[in-house]
Amino acid sequence: MPSLVNAIVMLGMLVVVPAGLRLAGAPELDRIRRVWPLFAVPGALALWLPRGTAAASLAAVYALGALLLALHAPLRLLREPRACRAPAEIALLTALVMPSVAATALLAERAGHPLLGFGLGILALTVPHFHFAGFAAALVAGLVCRITGTRAGRFAALSVPLGTLLVLGGYFVGDWAELAGAVVLTAGMWTVALLTWRSVRGRGRERSTRSLLAVSSGVLAVTMVLALSWALGEATGLPHPPLGWMAATHGLGNALGFALCSLLAWRRLQHDTHHEGRTA
């Protein structure tokens, strides 16, 4: 794996997932969040080893943690089947499952074995994609839906998971299905960006919080154009950016500009809300 992709994946493993779980508002996730470093650190180490048994063994530890996280989704469905029909809850359930998709790709890539016909290069890029376009995007869409309570928020909370799943299905069906997923995902993420700018940003008490939300929405608007142009080029044969350039622009922008800035801002928003509740 190139060093840049490794660094992006490490950010997803070590920072984005546990920070997102803290924001989810689900007390039953506290235990897996507290022990997450026991799984994430071996997974991060696996990125820097040569492909083989040692790297695959460490990746398997991360895959185990991702599986334990994914199991919370059916448990939530069984515990509150009616509540899980809400768009924000659907987005959260999607977020809980996405790291397991990334971990499966990581395990196969670190072992040096193509998976389901996908080469090692595609598997390597699948890992960051489903940490950020999967986990982080679905989680933030759900948070936006919760706090705005609007029809647009519900659209975002449903279209982001749907688009992510369509992109995943496009891996198996073909480029046109992946393009359809990219269109749906882009529509959802642009809605997240718009609502963040217009509705969520004004809730920040401090300028730094509002700035983080402004950066996340602005970056998201640009990076999704890149994703859409790449998917369109793959499906039609039109000129489009190479994967290396996409990793350095779309990937890095989503990791730092969208995911990290969003999670930091939402953490500050939750802190402000709890503080107001205690002083009321």
Foldseek 3Di string as FASTA:
>chain_A
DDPLLLVLLLCLQPPQVLLLLVLLPDVVCVVLSVCSCVLSVLQSVLVPDAQADSSLVSLVSNLVSLVVQLVVLVVVCVVCVVVCVQLLNVLQNQLSNLQNLLSVLSNCLSNLHDDPPDHNVVSSVSNSCSSQLTNLQSSLLSVLCVVPVDPLSSLLSNLSSVLVVQLVVCVVVHLVSNLVSLVSNLSSLLSSLVSLLPPVLVLQPDPLLSVLSPQQSVLSNVLSVLVNQVSVCRVPVDDHDDPVVNCVRSVVSSSVRHSVSSSVSSVNSVVVVVVVVVVD
